Amino acid sequence: MTDHTVILVIDDKKEHATATAEALEKVGYTCLVATSGKEGLQSIEAGEVDIVITDLIMHDVDGLQILKATKERLPDAEVILITGYGTVETAVDAMQRGAATYLLKPININHLRAEIAKLVEKQSLIRNNKELHKQLDEKFGLTGIIGNSAKIQKVLNVVKQISGTTATVLITGESGTGKELIAKTIHNNSPRKNRPMVVLNSAAIPENLLESELFGHEKGAFTGALYQRKGKFESAHHSTLFLDEIGDMPLSTQVKLLRVIEDGVITRIGSNEPIEVDVRLIAATNQDLEKLIKEGRFRNDLYFRINVVSLKLPPLRERIEDTALLIDAFLREYIQIHAKKISQISPDARKILYKYPWPGNIRELKNCIESMVVVSTNDILDVDDIPDHIFQRGQEASLSSGFAPGMTVEEAERELIKSTLTTVGGNREEAARMLGIGERTLYRKLDRYGLK
């Protein structure tokens, strides 16, 4: 919209600046006029400018200085240079420094308006894109973390606060709750994001090879060491190292890890040469580390070193209101991956999925949706597509809802609506879809049963 675009016209010839501004105001733009380069710099410093039109040659401050100041103070603003024939080469150089375009004197006002319209459209697209990303971030979290529930939003608020720091983080939670995704989110929102995060699963590496994986080794350091090898700490220099399943790390390796965290120095196996490393450590486990400490299987001092910031991820059964969002997100993902023509999941199938307790958490739900997409031969996913063990247990949970013999039809309906709203986290649109009624009908029943 032109009425939201503010244009600053800078020309030390007052009549030129005024005439240009008046011609643009006639088509709805808001214009500011500066009759010297110095005055133009003051307007730029004050901000609130979308487009700058400046003469290239002026007595005090020239157009290149205006361009530089604009890009520093208002990086999203666009600059149009006005130049004479003798300075076209300089104007082209200015475009390489970030100017949007240049126009030759005398100005063709229709041409100027056309160029401004292009820039306004470009800025509108950029703003809309930023707003979309902002909305996605607010609705779905950071970098693909999906959820509106209070528990996951609490986690994300901490993630936003700590991502820009170098603090060591301990992420706990059941298997499948998304610990590695949270670690990636912290890394991708940190100053270290331009280097890849390095990942090591402590439980997946045999004990006799774990130290080599962490710290590296020299050629000939042990049988089978045919060449020198960097460890994960060296690979994560100036980046982030994510140690998954740290609760499974043997005590002998825990001692050496503690020393590296304290000193910032590693030594490859078979070497006496210390190597300094700058690594941000994020650890994760699905085990109770305090219990392991009492059992003598995890070092107390290491626990306090890695537990500078603690994040506990809730299981899916404690954030059931996010299930609908997750189902829809995974459905879109796997429809695209497997090139299937599927439009939706039936209400009956959703009821089963909502009632299933998901002991494997988000990972299990994701695998379930992929399985349903792959095996389905119809354009609507239905109960027949749900894996058998999930269908049986979900159906049992649905049948064991809070209904009792002797209930009136109205009491049963009230209980059904109430339990459905609980299942979908209060999402009335989703509740209406599950109940097979229109939203207006649902609203009337909510009012009737005092459930609003």
Foldseek 3Di string as FASTA:
>chain_A
DQQLAEEEEEALPVVLQVVLQVLSVVVRHHYHYHNAPVSLLVVLQVPSHAEYEYEQDGDPDGPLNSLVSNCVRPVNHAYEYEYEPVCVVVQVVSVVVPHPYYDYPPDDSVVVVVSVVVSVVVSVVVVVVVVVVVVCCQQQNFPRRGADDPQVVVLRVVLVVPLADLAFEEEEEAAQLCPVVSVLRSQCSYPLNVADEAEDEQVVDPLVCSLCQAAWAADPLDPPRNHTDGHRQVSQASGEYEYEACLPHAPVVLVQVLVCLVPQWGAHRPGPDIDHGDYRYYYYHHDDVVVCVVVVGHDPSSVVRNVPDYHYRYFCLVRLLRVVVLLVVLLVVLCVVVVNQADEEALQLVQLVLQQNPPNGSVVSSVQSNQLRVPDPDNYRYLVSGPPVSSVRSVVSVVPFPDDPPDDPLRVVVSLLVVLCVSNVNPLCSSCRNVVHDSVVSVVSCVVVVND
